[in-house]
Amino acid sequence: QLHLTMSEKHELTKSLELVEKELQEKESEMKREISEWRDRLLQAEKEHQDALTEANQKNEAEIKTCQEKINLLEHCISSQKSEIEHLKSNKEQLNNSLKEANQTLGQLLKTKVR
C-alpha cells in the first residue's frame, strides 16, 4: 500500500511539474506577445504623431503663405484706393480748369463780338 501511495505521489508530482512547466511556457509566450503588441502600439503611436506633426507643419506653412498673400492684396487694395483718390482729385482740378477756360473763352468771344 505504501509503495502504491509513493508511486501515485511520484506520478502526481511529475504531473504537477509538467503542468507548472506548461503554465510557465504559456506565461512566457503571453508576455512575449504582450511585449510585441506593446511595441506595435508604440510604433503606431509614433507614426501617427509624426504624421500629425508633418500635417501641422504643412498647415502652418500654408497659413503663412495665405497670410502673406492677404497682406499683399491688402497693400494692393490700399494703393489702388490711394490712386483712385488721386485720380478723383486730378479730375476735379481738370474740371475746374476746364470751367475756367470755358468762362475765359466765353468772355473773349463776347469781347470779340462787340
N, C-alpha and C. Protein backbone atom coordinates (compact mmCIF):
# COMPACT_ATOMS: atom_id res chain seq x y z
N GLN A 1 0.84 -1.19 0.00
CA GLN A 1 0.00 0.00 0.00
C GLN A 1 0.88 1.26 0.00
N LEU A 2 1.90 1.23 0.85
CA LEU A 2 2.83 2.36 0.92
C LEU A 2 3.52 2.57 -0.42
N HIS A 3 3.94 1.47 -0.99
CA HIS A 3 4.62 1.55 -2.27
C HIS A 3 3.67 2.14 -3.33
N LEU A 4 2.44 1.75 -3.34
CA LEU A 4 1.46 2.24 -4.29
C LEU A 4 1.22 3.73 -4.07
N THR A 5 1.10 4.13 -2.83
CA THR A 5 0.89 5.54 -2.50
C THR A 5 2.10 6.37 -2.91
N MET A 6 3.27 5.85 -2.66
CA MET A 6 4.51 6.56 -3.05
C MET A 6 4.59 6.68 -4.57
N SER A 7 4.17 5.66 -5.25
CA SER A 7 4.18 5.67 -6.70
C SER A 7 3.18 6.71 -7.21
N GLU A 8 1.98 6.77 -6.62
CA GLU A 8 0.98 7.76 -7.02
C GLU A 8 1.48 9.17 -6.74
N LYS A 9 2.12 9.31 -5.57
CA LYS A 9 2.67 10.62 -5.22
C LYS A 9 3.70 11.05 -6.26
N HIS A 10 4.54 10.12 -6.65
CA HIS A 10 5.57 10.41 -7.65
C HIS A 10 4.93 10.81 -8.98
N GLU A 11 3.91 10.06 -9.39
CA GLU A 11 3.22 10.37 -10.64
C GLU A 11 2.54 11.75 -10.56
N LEU A 12 1.91 12.02 -9.42
CA LEU A 12 1.25 13.31 -9.23
C LEU A 12 2.27 14.46 -9.23
N THR A 13 3.40 14.22 -8.62
CA THR A 13 4.46 15.23 -8.60
C THR A 13 4.95 15.51 -10.01
N LYS A 14 5.15 14.45 -10.79
CA LYS A 14 5.58 14.61 -12.19
C LYS A 14 4.52 15.38 -12.98
N SER A 15 3.23 15.02 -12.77
CA SER A 15 2.14 15.71 -13.47
C SER A 15 2.11 17.19 -13.08
N LEU A 16 2.26 17.44 -11.80
CA LEU A 16 2.27 18.82 -11.31
C LEU A 16 3.43 19.60 -11.92
N GLU A 17 4.59 19.00 -11.99
CA GLU A 17 5.75 19.66 -12.60
C GLU A 17 5.50 19.97 -14.07
N LEU A 18 4.87 18.98 -14.77
CA LEU A 18 4.57 19.21 -16.20
C LEU A 18 3.57 20.36 -16.36
N VAL A 19 2.53 20.36 -15.50
CA VAL A 19 1.54 21.44 -15.58
C VAL A 19 2.20 22.78 -15.27
N GLU A 20 3.03 22.83 -14.26
CA GLU A 20 3.74 24.07 -13.92
C GLU A 20 4.63 24.52 -15.06
N LYS A 21 5.30 23.58 -15.69
CA LYS A 21 6.18 23.91 -16.81
C LYS A 21 5.35 24.47 -17.97
N GLU A 22 4.21 23.83 -18.26
CA GLU A 22 3.34 24.33 -19.33
C GLU A 22 2.84 25.73 -19.01
N LEU A 23 2.44 25.93 -17.75
CA LEU A 23 1.96 27.26 -17.35
C LEU A 23 3.06 28.31 -17.50
N GLN A 24 4.27 27.95 -17.11
CA GLN A 24 5.39 28.89 -17.27
C GLN A 24 5.64 29.21 -18.73
N GLU A 25 5.56 28.18 -19.59
CA GLU A 25 5.76 28.40 -21.02
C GLU A 25 4.66 29.30 -21.59
N LYS A 26 3.42 29.01 -21.17
CA LYS A 26 2.31 29.85 -21.64
C LYS A 26 2.46 31.28 -21.14
N GLU A 27 2.88 31.43 -19.89
CA GLU A 27 3.09 32.77 -19.33
C GLU A 27 4.19 33.50 -20.11
N SER A 28 5.28 32.81 -20.41
CA SER A 28 6.36 33.41 -21.19
C SER A 28 5.87 33.82 -22.58
N GLU A 29 5.10 32.93 -23.21
CA GLU A 29 4.56 33.22 -24.54
C GLU A 29 3.63 34.44 -24.49
N MET A 30 2.78 34.49 -23.48
CA MET A 30 1.87 35.62 -23.35
C MET A 30 2.63 36.92 -23.09
N LYS A 31 3.67 36.86 -22.26
CA LYS A 31 4.48 38.06 -22.01
C LYS A 31 5.16 38.51 -23.29
N ARG A 32 5.64 37.55 -24.08
CA ARG A 32 6.30 37.88 -25.35
C ARG A 32 5.29 38.55 -26.30
N GLU A 33 4.08 37.98 -26.38
CA GLU A 33 3.05 38.56 -27.25
C GLU A 33 2.64 39.95 -26.78
N ILE A 34 2.50 40.10 -25.46
CA ILE A 34 2.15 41.42 -24.91
C ILE A 34 3.24 42.43 -25.27
N SER A 35 4.49 42.00 -25.14
CA SER A 35 5.61 42.89 -25.48
C SER A 35 5.57 43.27 -26.97
N GLU A 36 5.30 42.29 -27.83
CA GLU A 36 5.22 42.57 -29.27
C GLU A 36 4.08 43.56 -29.56
N TRP A 37 2.91 43.33 -28.95
CA TRP A 37 1.78 44.24 -29.19
C TRP A 37 2.07 45.63 -28.65
N ARG A 38 2.75 45.68 -27.51
CA ARG A 38 3.12 46.98 -26.95
C ARG A 38 4.05 47.72 -27.90
N ASP A 39 5.03 46.99 -28.46
CA ASP A 39 5.97 47.59 -29.41
C ASP A 39 5.22 48.10 -30.66
N ARG A 40 4.28 47.27 -31.15
CA ARG A 40 3.50 47.68 -32.32
C ARG A 40 2.68 48.93 -32.01
N LEU A 41 2.08 48.95 -30.84
CA LEU A 41 1.28 50.10 -30.43
C LEU A 41 2.15 51.36 -30.35
N LEU A 42 3.32 51.24 -29.74
CA LEU A 42 4.23 52.38 -29.63
C LEU A 42 4.66 52.87 -31.01
N GLN A 43 4.93 51.91 -31.92
CA GLN A 43 5.34 52.28 -33.28
C GLN A 43 4.19 53.00 -33.99
N ALA A 44 2.99 52.47 -33.84
CA ALA A 44 1.82 53.09 -34.48
C ALA A 44 1.59 54.49 -33.91
N GLU A 45 1.73 54.64 -32.60
CA GLU A 45 1.57 55.96 -31.99
C GLU A 45 2.63 56.93 -32.50
N LYS A 46 3.86 56.45 -32.64
CA LYS A 46 4.94 57.30 -33.15
C LYS A 46 4.64 57.73 -34.59
N GLU A 47 4.23 56.77 -35.42
CA GLU A 47 3.91 57.10 -36.81
C GLU A 47 2.75 58.09 -36.88
N HIS A 48 1.76 57.88 -36.04
CA HIS A 48 0.62 58.79 -36.00
C HIS A 48 1.07 60.20 -35.58
N GLN A 49 1.90 60.27 -34.56
CA GLN A 49 2.39 61.57 -34.08
C GLN A 49 3.25 62.25 -35.15
N ASP A 50 4.09 61.46 -35.83
CA ASP A 50 4.92 62.02 -36.91
C ASP A 50 4.04 62.58 -38.03
N ALA A 51 3.00 61.81 -38.40
CA ALA A 51 2.10 62.27 -39.47
C ALA A 51 1.36 63.53 -39.03
N LEU A 52 0.95 63.57 -37.78
CA LEU A 52 0.25 64.73 -37.24
C LEU A 52 1.17 65.96 -37.24
N THR A 53 2.40 65.76 -36.82
CA THR A 53 3.37 66.86 -36.81
C THR A 53 3.62 67.38 -38.22
N GLU A 54 3.78 66.45 -39.16
CA GLU A 54 4.02 66.85 -40.55
C GLU A 54 2.81 67.62 -41.11
N ALA A 55 1.62 67.12 -40.83
CA ALA A 55 0.40 67.80 -41.30
C ALA A 55 0.30 69.19 -40.69
N ASN A 56 0.62 69.31 -39.41
CA ASN A 56 0.57 70.62 -38.75
C ASN A 56 1.58 71.58 -39.37
N GLN A 57 2.77 71.08 -39.66
CA GLN A 57 3.79 71.94 -40.27
C GLN A 57 3.34 72.41 -41.65
N LYS A 58 2.75 71.48 -42.44
CA LYS A 58 2.26 71.87 -43.77
C LYS A 58 1.15 72.90 -43.64
N ASN A 59 0.23 72.68 -42.69
CA ASN A 59 -0.86 73.63 -42.49
C ASN A 59 -0.34 74.99 -42.07
N GLU A 60 0.63 75.00 -41.17
CA GLU A 60 1.20 76.28 -40.72
C GLU A 60 1.87 77.00 -41.87
N ALA A 61 2.59 76.25 -42.72
CA ALA A 61 3.24 76.87 -43.87
C ALA A 61 2.19 77.43 -44.84
N GLU A 62 1.12 76.66 -45.04
CA GLU A 62 0.06 77.12 -45.95
C GLU A 62 -0.64 78.35 -45.38
N ILE A 63 -0.87 78.35 -44.08
CA ILE A 63 -1.49 79.52 -43.43
C ILE A 63 -0.59 80.74 -43.60
N LYS A 64 0.72 80.54 -43.40
CA LYS A 64 1.66 81.65 -43.55
C LYS A 64 1.64 82.19 -44.97
N THR A 65 1.64 81.28 -45.95
CA THR A 65 1.60 81.70 -47.35
C THR A 65 0.31 82.47 -47.65
N CYS A 66 -0.81 81.95 -47.16
CA CYS A 66 -2.09 82.65 -47.38
C CYS A 66 -2.09 84.01 -46.71
N GLN A 67 -1.55 84.09 -45.51
CA GLN A 67 -1.50 85.37 -44.80
C GLN A 67 -0.64 86.38 -45.57
N GLU A 68 0.47 85.89 -46.13
CA GLU A 68 1.33 86.78 -46.94
C GLU A 68 0.57 87.28 -48.17
N LYS A 69 -0.19 86.37 -48.81
CA LYS A 69 -0.99 86.78 -49.98
C LYS A 69 -2.04 87.81 -49.58
N ILE A 70 -2.69 87.57 -48.44
CA ILE A 70 -3.70 88.51 -47.95
C ILE A 70 -3.07 89.88 -47.71
N ASN A 71 -1.90 89.88 -47.05
CA ASN A 71 -1.21 91.15 -46.79
C ASN A 71 -0.87 91.87 -48.08
N LEU A 72 -0.39 91.11 -49.07
CA LEU A 72 -0.04 91.70 -50.36
C LEU A 72 -1.28 92.28 -51.03
N LEU A 73 -2.39 91.52 -51.01
CA LEU A 73 -3.62 92.01 -51.62
C LEU A 73 -4.15 93.25 -50.89
N GLU A 74 -4.06 93.25 -49.56
CA GLU A 74 -4.50 94.43 -48.80
C GLU A 74 -3.65 95.64 -49.17
N HIS A 75 -2.36 95.43 -49.35
CA HIS A 75 -1.47 96.53 -49.75
C HIS A 75 -1.87 97.03 -51.14
N CYS A 76 -2.13 96.09 -52.06
CA CYS A 76 -2.53 96.48 -53.42
C CYS A 76 -3.84 97.27 -53.39
N ILE A 77 -4.80 96.78 -52.59
CA ILE A 77 -6.09 97.47 -52.49
C ILE A 77 -5.88 98.88 -51.93
N SER A 78 -5.05 98.99 -50.92
CA SER A 78 -4.77 100.30 -50.32
C SER A 78 -4.13 101.23 -51.36
N SER A 79 -3.16 100.70 -52.11
CA SER A 79 -2.51 101.50 -53.15
C SER A 79 -3.51 101.94 -54.21
N GLN A 80 -4.39 101.01 -54.60
CA GLN A 80 -5.37 101.35 -55.63
C GLN A 80 -6.37 102.39 -55.12
N LYS A 81 -6.76 102.29 -53.84
CA LYS A 81 -7.66 103.31 -53.27
C LYS A 81 -6.99 104.67 -53.29
N SER A 82 -5.70 104.70 -52.94
CA SER A 82 -4.96 105.97 -52.97
C SER A 82 -4.90 106.52 -54.39
N GLU A 83 -4.65 105.64 -55.34
CA GLU A 83 -4.58 106.06 -56.75
C GLU A 83 -5.93 106.60 -57.22
N ILE A 84 -7.01 105.92 -56.82
CA ILE A 84 -8.36 106.38 -57.18
C ILE A 84 -8.61 107.78 -56.61
N GLU A 85 -8.26 107.98 -55.34
CA GLU A 85 -8.45 109.29 -54.72
C GLU A 85 -7.63 110.36 -55.44
N HIS A 86 -6.40 109.99 -55.81
CA HIS A 86 -5.54 110.93 -56.55
C HIS A 86 -6.16 111.27 -57.91
N LEU A 87 -6.67 110.25 -58.61
CA LEU A 87 -7.30 110.49 -59.92
C LEU A 87 -8.57 111.33 -59.79
N LYS A 88 -9.35 111.08 -58.72
CA LYS A 88 -10.56 111.91 -58.50
C LYS A 88 -10.18 113.37 -58.29
N SER A 89 -9.11 113.56 -57.50
CA SER A 89 -8.64 114.93 -57.24
C SER A 89 -8.18 115.59 -58.54
N ASN A 90 -7.41 114.85 -59.35
CA ASN A 90 -6.95 115.38 -60.64
C ASN A 90 -8.12 115.71 -61.56
N LYS A 91 -9.14 114.81 -61.56
CA LYS A 91 -10.32 115.04 -62.40
C LYS A 91 -11.03 116.32 -61.98
N GLU A 92 -11.16 116.50 -60.68
CA GLU A 92 -11.82 117.71 -60.17
C GLU A 92 -11.04 118.96 -60.58
N GLN A 93 -9.71 118.88 -60.43
CA GLN A 93 -8.89 120.02 -60.83
C GLN A 93 -9.01 120.30 -62.32
N LEU A 94 -9.02 119.24 -63.12
CA LEU A 94 -9.16 119.42 -64.58
C LEU A 94 -10.53 119.99 -64.94
N ASN A 95 -11.57 119.52 -64.25
CA ASN A 95 -12.92 120.06 -64.50
C ASN A 95 -12.98 121.55 -64.15
N ASN A 96 -12.37 121.91 -63.02
CA ASN A 96 -12.34 123.32 -62.63
C ASN A 96 -11.57 124.14 -63.65
N SER A 97 -10.42 123.62 -64.09
CA SER A 97 -9.63 124.34 -65.11
C SER A 97 -10.41 124.48 -66.40
N LEU A 98 -11.13 123.41 -66.77
CA LEU A 98 -11.93 123.45 -67.99
C LEU A 98 -13.05 124.49 -67.87
N LYS A 99 -13.70 124.56 -66.71
CA LYS A 99 -14.76 125.57 -66.50
C LYS A 99 -14.17 126.98 -66.63
N GLU A 100 -13.00 127.17 -66.01
CA GLU A 100 -12.37 128.49 -66.07
C GLU A 100 -12.00 128.83 -67.52
N ALA A 101 -11.47 127.83 -68.22
CA ALA A 101 -11.09 128.09 -69.63
C ALA A 101 -12.32 128.40 -70.47
N ASN A 102 -13.41 127.67 -70.22
CA ASN A 102 -14.65 127.94 -70.96
C ASN A 102 -15.20 129.33 -70.64
N GLN A 103 -15.11 129.72 -69.37
CA GLN A 103 -15.58 131.06 -69.00
C GLN A 103 -14.72 132.12 -69.67
N THR A 104 -13.40 131.90 -69.63
CA THR A 104 -12.49 132.85 -70.27
C THR A 104 -12.77 132.93 -71.76
N LEU A 105 -13.00 131.73 -72.37
CA LEU A 105 -13.29 131.69 -73.80
C LEU A 105 -14.60 132.43 -74.08
N GLY A 106 -15.58 132.20 -73.22
CA GLY A 106 -16.87 132.89 -73.39
C GLY A 106 -16.68 134.40 -73.30
N GLN A 107 -15.91 134.85 -72.34
CA GLN A 107 -15.68 136.29 -72.20
C GLN A 107 -14.93 136.83 -73.41
N LEU A 108 -13.94 136.09 -73.87
CA LEU A 108 -13.18 136.53 -75.04
C LEU A 108 -14.09 136.62 -76.27
N LEU A 109 -14.97 135.64 -76.42
CA LEU A 109 -15.90 135.67 -77.58
C LEU A 109 -16.83 136.87 -77.50
N LYS A 110 -17.32 137.15 -76.28
CA LYS A 110 -18.20 138.30 -76.09
C LYS A 110 -17.47 139.60 -76.43
N THR A 111 -16.21 139.66 -75.95
CA THR A 111 -15.40 140.84 -76.22
C THR A 111 -15.15 140.99 -77.72
N LYS A 112 -14.90 139.89 -78.40
CA LYS A 112 -14.62 139.92 -79.83
C LYS A 112 -15.85 140.29 -80.61
N VAL A 113 -17.00 139.84 -80.19
CA VAL A 113 -18.25 140.10 -80.88
C VAL A 113 -18.56 141.61 -80.80
N ARG A 114 -18.29 142.29 -79.72
CA ARG A 114 -18.60 143.69 -79.53
C ARG A 114 -17.75 144.51 -80.39
